[in-house]
Amino acid sequence: MNYKLTIREIFSWLFGMAVLVAGAINTFWGNDPGFGIFLTLLSLVYFPPVDAIVRKNIAVSVPVLVKMLLGVFIIWASLGVGELFDKIDLMMMDL
């Protein structure tokens, strides 16, 4: 099976993983595990296999523009409102 990754798919995988990690940090080291679970669920939008499964079963795909706007919201919410760097410091103290 020959499968070539495109730049868009690579970026989607990387951003999805970053959001997944931010969700895990917020879930386990923050004061708002609900926000962390929300981020973890939002990260699924960025993984190409999940997109393919949704497209196959529901016949709907999330447009790239919506993914980009959602990405801006996630970055703003994680870094600004969610205080991700403070939670990373808490995580490092636990290790």
PDB file of N, CA and C in Angstrom:
ATOM      1  N   MET A   1       0.842  -1.178   0.000  1.00  0.00           N
ATOM      2  CA  MET A   1       0.000   0.000   0.000  1.00  0.00           C
ATOM      3  C   MET A   1       0.887   1.240   0.000  1.00  0.00           C
ATOM      4  N   ASN A   2       0.817   2.003  -1.044  1.00  0.00           N
ATOM      5  CA  ASN A   2       1.576   3.240  -1.147  1.00  0.00           C
ATOM      6  C   ASN A   2       0.726   4.396  -0.663  1.00  0.00           C
ATOM      7  N   TYR A   3       1.192   5.050   0.353  1.00  0.00           N
ATOM      8  CA  TYR A   3       0.469   6.188   0.912  1.00  0.00           C
ATOM      9  C   TYR A   3       1.466   7.302   1.150  1.00  0.00           C
ATOM     10  N   LYS A   4       1.247   8.444   0.525  1.00  0.00           N
ATOM     11  CA  LYS A   4       2.140   9.578   0.687  1.00  0.00           C
ATOM     12  C   LYS A   4       1.459  10.623   1.556  1.00  0.00           C
ATOM     13  N   LEU A   5       2.183  11.087   2.568  1.00  0.00           N
ATOM     14  CA  LEU A   5       1.667  12.145   3.421  1.00  0.00           C
ATOM     15  C   LEU A   5       1.838  13.489   2.738  1.00  0.00           C
ATOM     16  N   THR A   6       0.820  14.315   2.822  1.00  0.00           N
ATOM     17  CA  THR A   6       0.917  15.669   2.311  1.00  0.00           C
ATOM     18  C   THR A   6       1.321  16.593   3.459  1.00  0.00           C
ATOM     19  N   ILE A   7       1.727  17.793   3.111  1.00  0.00           N
ATOM     20  CA  ILE A   7       2.098  18.787   4.117  1.00  0.00           C
ATOM     21  C   ILE A   7       0.914  19.061   5.037  1.00  0.00           C
ATOM     22  N   ARG A   8      -0.270  19.124   4.466  1.00  0.00           N
ATOM     23  CA  ARG A   8      -1.472  19.381   5.259  1.00  0.00           C
ATOM     24  C   ARG A   8      -1.716  18.262   6.275  1.00  0.00           C
ATOM     25  N   GLU A   9      -1.507  17.018   5.863  1.00  0.00           N
ATOM     26  CA  GLU A   9      -1.713  15.901   6.779  1.00  0.00           C
ATOM     27  C   GLU A   9      -0.656  15.874   7.876  1.00  0.00           C
ATOM     28  N   ILE A  10       0.575  16.190   7.525  1.00  0.00           N
ATOM     29  CA  ILE A  10       1.640  16.239   8.530  1.00  0.00           C
ATOM     30  C   ILE A  10       1.329  17.320   9.558  1.00  0.00           C
ATOM     31  N   PHE A  11       0.939  18.506   9.095  1.00  0.00           N
ATOM     32  CA  PHE A  11       0.589  19.587  10.006  1.00  0.00           C
ATOM     33  C   PHE A  11      -0.618  19.192  10.857  1.00  0.00           C
ATOM     34  N   SER A  12      -1.578  18.522  10.252  1.00  0.00           N
ATOM     35  CA  SER A  12      -2.763  18.088  10.980  1.00  0.00           C
ATOM     36  C   SER A  12      -2.398  17.101  12.088  1.00  0.00           C
ATOM     37  N   TRP A  13      -1.530  16.127  11.776  1.00  0.00           N
ATOM     38  CA  TRP A  13      -1.064  15.177  12.791  1.00  0.00           C
ATOM     39  C   TRP A  13      -0.337  15.903  13.917  1.00  0.00           C
ATOM     40  N   LEU A  14       0.574  16.809  13.580  1.00  0.00           N
ATOM     41  CA  LEU A  14       1.362  17.515  14.598  1.00  0.00           C
ATOM     42  C   LEU A  14       0.486  18.390  15.481  1.00  0.00           C
ATOM     43  N   PHE A  15      -0.434  19.129  14.863  1.00  0.00           N
ATOM     44  CA  PHE A  15      -1.308  19.994  15.654  1.00  0.00           C
ATOM     45  C   PHE A  15      -2.255  19.160  16.508  1.00  0.00           C
ATOM     46  N   GLY A  16      -2.756  18.065  15.951  1.00  0.00           N
ATOM     47  CA  GLY A  16      -3.620  17.174  16.721  1.00  0.00           C
ATOM     48  C   GLY A  16      -2.913  16.608  17.936  1.00  0.00           C
ATOM     49  N   MET A  17      -1.653  16.213  17.760  1.00  0.00           N
ATOM     50  CA  MET A  17      -0.877  15.687  18.889  1.00  0.00           C
ATOM     51  C   MET A  17      -0.620  16.776  19.936  1.00  0.00           C
ATOM     52  N   ALA A  18      -0.332  17.993  19.477  1.00  0.00           N
ATOM     53  CA  ALA A  18      -0.095  19.099  20.415  1.00  0.00           C
ATOM     54  C   ALA A  18      -1.348  19.390  21.233  1.00  0.00           C
ATOM     55  N   VAL A  19      -2.496  19.391  20.584  1.00  0.00           N
ATOM     56  CA  VAL A  19      -3.751  19.645  21.289  1.00  0.00           C
ATOM     57  C   VAL A  19      -4.070  18.488  22.231  1.00  0.00           C
ATOM     58  N   LEU A  20      -3.779  17.269  21.806  1.00  0.00           N
ATOM     59  CA  LEU A  20      -3.995  16.102  22.660  1.00  0.00           C
ATOM     60  C   LEU A  20      -3.142  16.192  23.922  1.00  0.00           C
ATOM     61  N   VAL A  21      -1.886  16.586  23.785  1.00  0.00           N
ATOM     62  CA  VAL A  21      -0.999  16.742  24.938  1.00  0.00           C
ATOM     63  C   VAL A  21      -1.495  17.873  25.840  1.00  0.00           C
ATOM     64  N   ALA A  22      -1.910  18.991  25.243  1.00  0.00           N
ATOM     65  CA  ALA A  22      -2.451  20.104  26.042  1.00  0.00           C
ATOM     66  C   ALA A  22      -3.706  19.661  26.788  1.00  0.00           C
ATOM     67  N   GLY A  23      -4.528  18.848  26.146  1.00  0.00           N
ATOM     68  CA  GLY A  23      -5.722  18.327  26.812  1.00  0.00           C
ATOM     69  C   GLY A  23      -5.368  17.427  27.980  1.00  0.00           C
ATOM     70  N   ALA A  24      -4.364  16.585  27.798  1.00  0.00           N
ATOM     71  CA  ALA A  24      -3.940  15.694  28.883  1.00  0.00           C
ATOM     72  C   ALA A  24      -3.376  16.493  30.056  1.00  0.00           C
ATOM     73  N   ILE A  25      -2.592  17.500  29.757  1.00  0.00           N
ATOM     74  CA  ILE A  25      -2.025  18.337  30.820  1.00  0.00           C
ATOM     75  C   ILE A  25      -3.141  19.044  31.572  1.00  0.00           C
ATOM     76  N   ASN A  26      -4.098  19.596  30.856  1.00  0.00           N
ATOM     77  CA  ASN A  26      -5.206  20.275  31.514  1.00  0.00           C
ATOM     78  C   ASN A  26      -6.083  19.315  32.300  1.00  0.00           C
ATOM     79  N   THR A  27      -6.201  18.096  31.838  1.00  0.00           N
ATOM     80  CA  THR A  27      -7.038  17.125  32.537  1.00  0.00           C
ATOM     81  C   THR A  27      -6.415  16.687  33.851  1.00  0.00           C
ATOM     82  N   PHE A  28      -5.128  16.396  33.845  1.00  0.00           N
ATOM     83  CA  PHE A  28      -4.512  15.789  35.011  1.00  0.00           C
ATOM     84  C   PHE A  28      -3.763  16.757  35.925  1.00  0.00           C
ATOM     85  N   TRP A  29      -3.327  17.898  35.448  1.00  0.00           N
ATOM     86  CA  TRP A  29      -2.563  18.819  36.284  1.00  0.00           C
ATOM     87  C   TRP A  29      -3.217  20.180  36.429  1.00  0.00           C
ATOM     88  N   GLY A  30      -4.399  20.329  35.984  1.00  0.00           N
ATOM     89  CA  GLY A  30      -5.060  21.613  36.106  1.00  0.00           C
ATOM     90  C   GLY A  30      -6.195  21.561  37.096  1.00  0.00           C
ATOM     91  N   ASN A  31      -6.853  22.680  37.228  1.00  0.00           N
ATOM     92  CA  ASN A  31      -7.996  22.737  38.112  1.00  0.00           C
ATOM     93  C   ASN A  31      -9.307  22.605  37.327  1.00  0.00           C
ATOM     94  N   ASP A  32      -9.199  22.265  36.041  1.00  0.00           N
ATOM     95  CA  ASP A  32     -10.383  22.153  35.204  1.00  0.00           C
ATOM     96  C   ASP A  32     -10.280  20.931  34.289  1.00  0.00           C
ATOM     97  N   PRO A  33     -10.539  19.736  34.811  1.00  0.00           N
ATOM     98  CA  PRO A  33     -10.429  18.545  33.969  1.00  0.00           C
ATOM     99  C   PRO A  33     -11.451  18.521  32.827  1.00  0.00           C
ATOM    100  N   GLY A  34     -12.567  19.198  32.995  1.00  0.00           N
ATOM    101  CA  GLY A  34     -13.559  19.274  31.924  1.00  0.00           C
ATOM    102  C   GLY A  34     -13.001  19.967  30.690  1.00  0.00           C
ATOM    103  N   PHE A  35     -12.232  21.026  30.907  1.00  0.00           N
ATOM    104  CA  PHE A  35     -11.596  21.735  29.801  1.00  0.00           C
ATOM    105  C   PHE A  35     -10.574  20.843  29.103  1.00  0.00           C
ATOM    106  N   GLY A  36      -9.846  20.054  29.888  1.00  0.00           N
ATOM    107  CA  GLY A  36      -8.870  19.133  29.315  1.00  0.00           C
ATOM    108  C   GLY A  36      -9.540  18.063  28.466  1.00  0.00           C
ATOM    109  N   ILE A  37     -10.642  17.522  28.942  1.00  0.00           N
ATOM    110  CA  ILE A  37     -11.379  16.526  28.163  1.00  0.00           C
ATOM    111  C   ILE A  37     -11.941  17.160  26.897  1.00  0.00           C
ATOM    112  N   PHE A  38     -12.419  18.395  27.008  1.00  0.00           N
ATOM    113  CA  PHE A  38     -12.914  19.130  25.842  1.00  0.00           C
ATOM    114  C   PHE A  38     -11.810  19.295  24.792  1.00  0.00           C
ATOM    115  N   LEU A  39     -10.613  19.674  25.224  1.00  0.00           N
ATOM    116  CA  LEU A  39      -9.493  19.809  24.294  1.00  0.00           C
ATOM    117  C   LEU A  39      -9.121  18.470  23.674  1.00  0.00           C
ATOM    118  N   THR A  40      -9.146  17.418  24.482  1.00  0.00           N
ATOM    119  CA  THR A  40      -8.825  16.090  23.973  1.00  0.00           C
ATOM    120  C   THR A  40      -9.810  15.684  22.886  1.00  0.00           C
ATOM    121  N   LEU A  41     -11.083  15.946  23.097  1.00  0.00           N
ATOM    122  CA  LEU A  41     -12.086  15.628  22.080  1.00  0.00           C
ATOM    123  C   LEU A  41     -11.911  16.495  20.830  1.00  0.00           C
ATOM    124  N   LEU A  42     -11.564  17.771  21.020  1.00  0.00           N
ATOM    125  CA  LEU A  42     -11.334  18.641  19.863  1.00  0.00           C
ATOM    126  C   LEU A  42     -10.119  18.199  19.057  1.00  0.00           C
ATOM    127  N   SER A  43      -9.146  17.589  19.713  1.00  0.00           N
ATOM    128  CA  SER A  43      -7.950  17.150  18.995  1.00  0.00           C
ATOM    129  C   SER A  43      -8.282  16.078  17.962  1.00  0.00           C
ATOM    130  N   LEU A  44      -9.351  15.332  18.178  1.00  0.00           N
ATOM    131  CA  LEU A  44      -9.725  14.282  17.238  1.00  0.00           C
ATOM    132  C   LEU A  44     -10.058  14.831  15.852  1.00  0.00           C
ATOM    133  N   VAL A  45     -10.490  16.073  15.794  1.00  0.00           N
ATOM    134  CA  VAL A  45     -10.824  16.698  14.507  1.00  0.00           C
ATOM    135  C   VAL A  45      -9.614  16.748  13.588  1.00  0.00           C
ATOM    136  N   TYR A  46      -8.431  16.832  14.170  1.00  0.00           N
ATOM    137  CA  TYR A  46      -7.223  17.044  13.377  1.00  0.00           C
ATOM    138  C   TYR A  46      -6.542  15.763  12.897  1.00  0.00           C
ATOM    139  N   PHE A  47      -6.924  14.615  13.407  1.00  0.00           N
ATOM    140  CA  PHE A  47      -6.290  13.372  12.991  1.00  0.00           C
ATOM    141  C   PHE A  47      -6.919  12.858  11.697  1.00  0.00           C
ATOM    142  N   PRO A  48      -6.123  12.671  10.634  1.00  0.00           N
ATOM    143  CA  PRO A  48      -6.670  12.227   9.348  1.00  0.00           C
ATOM    144  C   PRO A  48      -7.465  10.922   9.399  1.00  0.00           C
ATOM    145  N   PRO A  49      -7.069   9.902  10.168  1.00  0.00           N
ATOM    146  CA  PRO A  49      -7.900   8.693  10.204  1.00  0.00           C
ATOM    147  C   PRO A  49      -9.298   8.940  10.782  1.00  0.00           C
ATOM    148  N   VAL A  50      -9.379   9.804  11.791  1.00  0.00           N
ATOM    149  CA  VAL A  50     -10.694  10.130  12.363  1.00  0.00           C
ATOM    150  C   VAL A  50     -11.527  10.878  11.332  1.00  0.00           C
ATOM    151  N   ASP A  51     -10.895  11.795  10.615  1.00  0.00           N
ATOM    152  CA  ASP A  51     -11.594  12.529   9.555  1.00  0.00           C
ATOM    153  C   ASP A  51     -12.115  11.572   8.483  1.00  0.00           C
ATOM    154  N   ALA A  52     -11.315  10.593   8.122  1.00  0.00           N
ATOM    155  CA  ALA A  52     -11.739   9.618   7.110  1.00  0.00           C
ATOM    156  C   ALA A  52     -12.903   8.764   7.608  1.00  0.00           C
ATOM    157  N   ILE A  53     -12.869   8.358   8.866  1.00  0.00           N
ATOM    158  CA  ILE A  53     -13.968   7.559   9.422  1.00  0.00           C
ATOM    159  C   ILE A  53     -15.258   8.366   9.465  1.00  0.00           C
ATOM    160  N   VAL A  54     -15.165   9.620   9.896  1.00  0.00           N
ATOM    161  CA  VAL A  54     -16.352  10.477   9.948  1.00  0.00           C
ATOM    162  C   VAL A  54     -16.889  10.721   8.542  1.00  0.00           C
ATOM    163  N   ARG A  55     -15.988  10.980   7.598  1.00  0.00           N
ATOM    164  CA  ARG A  55     -16.414  11.216   6.219  1.00  0.00           C
ATOM    165  C   ARG A  55     -17.094   9.972   5.639  1.00  0.00           C
ATOM    166  N   LYS A  56     -16.594   8.795   5.981  1.00  0.00           N
ATOM    167  CA  LYS A  56     -17.155   7.553   5.458  1.00  0.00           C
ATOM    168  C   LYS A  56     -18.517   7.245   6.077  1.00  0.00           C
ATOM    169  N   ASN A  57     -18.647   7.400   7.395  1.00  0.00           N
ATOM    170  CA  ASN A  57     -19.867   7.017   8.089  1.00  0.00           C
ATOM    171  C   ASN A  57     -20.964   8.072   8.063  1.00  0.00           C
ATOM    172  N   ILE A  58     -20.588   9.340   8.125  1.00  0.00           N
ATOM    173  CA  ILE A  58     -21.581  10.407   8.185  1.00  0.00           C
ATOM    174  C   ILE A  58     -21.648  11.202   6.882  1.00  0.00           C
ATOM    175  N   ALA A  59     -20.655  11.057   6.038  1.00  0.00           N
ATOM    176  CA  ALA A  59     -20.552  11.780   4.767  1.00  0.00           C
ATOM    177  C   ALA A  59     -20.406  13.282   4.978  1.00  0.00           C
ATOM    178  N   VAL A  60     -19.739  13.654   6.070  1.00  0.00           N
ATOM    179  CA  VAL A  60     -19.476  15.055   6.368  1.00  0.00           C
ATOM    180  C   VAL A  60     -18.010  15.169   6.765  1.00  0.00           C
ATOM    181  N   SER A  61     -17.355  16.199   6.271  1.00  0.00           N
ATOM    182  CA  SER A  61     -15.972  16.455   6.636  1.00  0.00           C
ATOM    183  C   SER A  61     -15.859  17.891   7.138  1.00  0.00           C
ATOM    184  N   VAL A  62     -15.011  18.101   8.124  1.00  0.00           N
ATOM    185  CA  VAL A  62     -14.808  19.438   8.664  1.00  0.00           C
ATOM    186  C   VAL A  62     -13.950  20.221   7.666  1.00  0.00           C
ATOM    187  N   PRO A  63     -14.450  21.354   7.180  1.00  0.00           N
ATOM    188  CA  PRO A  63     -13.670  22.146   6.217  1.00  0.00           C
ATOM    189  C   PRO A  63     -12.373  22.683   6.828  1.00  0.00           C
ATOM    190  N   VAL A  64     -11.411  22.926   5.984  1.00  0.00           N
ATOM    191  CA  VAL A  64     -10.098  23.400   6.423  1.00  0.00           C
ATOM    192  C   VAL A  64     -10.216  24.753   7.131  1.00  0.00           C
ATOM    193  N   LEU A  65     -11.055  25.638   6.637  1.00  0.00           N
ATOM    194  CA  LEU A  65     -11.221  26.949   7.270  1.00  0.00           C
ATOM    195  C   LEU A  65     -11.746  26.804   8.696  1.00  0.00           C
ATOM    196  N   VAL A  66     -12.677  25.894   8.908  1.00  0.00           N
ATOM    197  CA  VAL A  66     -13.209  25.658  10.247  1.00  0.00           C
ATOM    198  C   VAL A  66     -12.118  25.092  11.153  1.00  0.00           C
ATOM    199  N   LYS A  67     -11.291  24.180  10.611  1.00  0.00           N
ATOM    200  CA  LYS A  67     -10.187  23.635  11.393  1.00  0.00           C
ATOM    201  C   LYS A  67      -9.195  24.730  11.773  1.00  0.00           C
ATOM    202  N   MET A  68      -8.951  25.661  10.865  1.00  0.00           N
ATOM    203  CA  MET A  68      -8.020  26.750  11.150  1.00  0.00           C
ATOM    204  C   MET A  68      -8.584  27.675  12.231  1.00  0.00           C
ATOM    205  N   LEU A  69      -9.852  28.022  12.134  1.00  0.00           N
ATOM    206  CA  LEU A  69     -10.473  28.883  13.143  1.00  0.00           C
ATOM    207  C   LEU A  69     -10.531  28.170  14.494  1.00  0.00           C
ATOM    208  N   LEU A  70     -10.828  26.890  14.473  1.00  0.00           N
ATOM    209  CA  LEU A  70     -10.838  26.098  15.696  1.00  0.00           C
ATOM    210  C   LEU A  70      -9.441  26.041  16.305  1.00  0.00           C
ATOM    211  N   GLY A  71      -8.413  25.941  15.454  1.00  0.00           N
ATOM    212  CA  GLY A  71      -7.037  25.946  15.928  1.00  0.00           C
ATOM    213  C   GLY A  71      -6.669  27.245  16.622  1.00  0.00           C
ATOM    214  N   VAL A  72      -7.117  28.369  16.070  1.00  0.00           N
ATOM    215  CA  VAL A  72      -6.861  29.672  16.704  1.00  0.00           C
ATOM    216  C   VAL A  72      -7.551  29.715  18.068  1.00  0.00           C
ATOM    217  N   PHE A  73      -8.788  29.240  18.132  1.00  0.00           N
ATOM    218  CA  PHE A  73      -9.504  29.196  19.408  1.00  0.00           C
ATOM    219  C   PHE A  73      -8.783  28.311  20.417  1.00  0.00           C
ATOM    220  N   ILE A  74      -8.322  27.152  19.983  1.00  0.00           N
ATOM    221  CA  ILE A  74      -7.636  26.219  20.884  1.00  0.00           C
ATOM    222  C   ILE A  74      -6.353  26.847  21.420  1.00  0.00           C
ATOM    223  N   ILE A  75      -5.581  27.480  20.552  1.00  0.00           N
ATOM    224  CA  ILE A  75      -4.338  28.134  20.986  1.00  0.00           C
ATOM    225  C   ILE A  75      -4.644  29.242  21.984  1.00  0.00           C
ATOM    226  N   TRP A  76      -5.642  30.058  21.675  1.00  0.00           N
ATOM    227  CA  TRP A  76      -6.018  31.146  22.579  1.00  0.00           C
ATOM    228  C   TRP A  76      -6.499  30.611  23.918  1.00  0.00           C
ATOM    229  N   ALA A  77      -7.350  29.601  23.876  1.00  0.00           N
ATOM    230  CA  ALA A  77      -7.904  29.054  25.113  1.00  0.00           C
ATOM    231  C   ALA A  77      -6.838  28.343  25.934  1.00  0.00           C
ATOM    232  N   SER A  78      -5.948  27.616  25.303  1.00  0.00           N
ATOM    233  CA  SER A  78      -4.928  26.862  26.037  1.00  0.00           C
ATOM    234  C   SER A  78      -3.859  27.760  26.633  1.00  0.00           C
ATOM    235  N   LEU A  79      -3.355  28.669  25.845  1.00  0.00           N
ATOM    236  CA  LEU A  79      -2.241  29.494  26.306  1.00  0.00           C
ATOM    237  C   LEU A  79      -2.704  30.676  27.137  1.00  0.00           C
ATOM    238  N   GLY A  80      -3.787  31.311  26.724  1.00  0.00           N
ATOM    239  CA  GLY A  80      -4.236  32.506  27.427  1.00  0.00           C
ATOM    240  C   GLY A  80      -5.110  32.200  28.613  1.00  0.00           C
ATOM    241  N   VAL A  81      -6.256  31.652  28.355  1.00  0.00           N
ATOM    242  CA  VAL A  81      -7.238  31.408  29.402  1.00  0.00           C
ATOM    243  C   VAL A  81      -6.868  30.194  30.237  1.00  0.00           C
ATOM    244  N   GLY A  82      -6.396  29.134  29.584  1.00  0.00           N
ATOM    245  CA  GLY A  82      -6.097  27.888  30.279  1.00  0.00           C
ATOM    246  C   GLY A  82      -4.790  27.880  31.041  1.00  0.00           C
ATOM    247  N   GLU A  83      -3.970  28.906  30.881  1.00  0.00           N
ATOM    248  CA  GLU A  83      -2.684  29.018  31.571  1.00  0.00           C
ATOM    249  C   GLU A  83      -1.863  27.738  31.445  1.00  0.00           C
ATOM    250  N   LEU A  84      -1.642  27.299  30.222  1.00  0.00           N
ATOM    251  CA  LEU A  84      -0.966  26.037  29.956  1.00  0.00           C
ATOM    252  C   LEU A  84       0.443  25.999  30.538  1.00  0.00           C
ATOM    253  N   PHE A  85       1.166  27.097  30.456  1.00  0.00           N
ATOM    254  CA  PHE A  85       2.545  27.090  30.938  1.00  0.00           C
ATOM    255  C   PHE A  85       2.615  26.909  32.457  1.00  0.00           C
ATOM    256  N   ASP A  86       1.646  27.473  33.184  1.00  0.00           N
ATOM    257  CA  ASP A  86       1.604  27.258  34.634  1.00  0.00           C
ATOM    258  C   ASP A  86       1.326  25.797  34.957  1.00  0.00           C
ATOM    259  N   LYS A  87       0.477  25.163  34.165  1.00  0.00           N
ATOM    260  CA  LYS A  87       0.152  23.766  34.386  1.00  0.00           C
ATOM    261  C   LYS A  87       1.329  22.858  34.009  1.00  0.00           C
ATOM    262  N   ILE A  88       2.102  23.260  33.025  1.00  0.00           N
ATOM    263  CA  ILE A  88       3.314  22.506  32.691  1.00  0.00           C
ATOM    264  C   ILE A  88       4.305  22.578  33.847  1.00  0.00           C
ATOM    265  N   ASP A  89       4.404  23.748  34.477  1.00  0.00           N
ATOM    266  CA  ASP A  89       5.264  23.881  35.651  1.00  0.00           C
ATOM    267  C   ASP A  89       4.798  22.955  36.779  1.00  0.00           C
ATOM    268  N   LEU A  90       3.479  22.874  36.999  1.00  0.00           N
ATOM    269  CA  LEU A  90       2.944  21.954  38.015  1.00  0.00           C
ATOM    270  C   LEU A  90       3.289  20.509  37.670  1.00  0.00           C
ATOM    271  N   MET A  91       3.164  20.177  36.391  1.00  0.00           N
ATOM    272  CA  MET A  91       3.471  18.828  35.949  1.00  0.00           C
ATOM    273  C   MET A  91       4.951  18.501  36.200  1.00  0.00           C
ATOM    274  N   MET A  92       5.823  19.435  35.901  1.00  0.00           N
ATOM    275  CA  MET A  92       7.258  19.204  36.087  1.00  0.00           C
ATOM    276  C   MET A  92       7.618  19.056  37.568  1.00  0.00           C
ATOM    277  N   MET A  93       6.893  19.739  38.454  1.00  0.00           N
ATOM    278  CA  MET A  93       7.156  19.581  39.880  1.00  0.00           C
ATOM    279  C   MET A  93       6.749  18.197  40.370  1.00  0.00           C
ATOM    280  N   ASP A  94       5.717  17.605  39.741  1.00  0.00           N
ATOM    281  CA  ASP A  94       5.284  16.262  40.123  1.00  0.00           C
ATOM    282  C   ASP A  94       6.243  15.189  39.671  1.00  0.00           C
ATOM    283  N   LEU A  95       6.994  15.453  38.621  1.00  0.00           N
ATOM    284  CA  LEU A  95       7.915  14.446  38.104  1.00  0.00           C
ATOM    285  C   LEU A  95       9.148  14.472  38.923  1.00  0.00           C
TER     286      LEU A  95
END
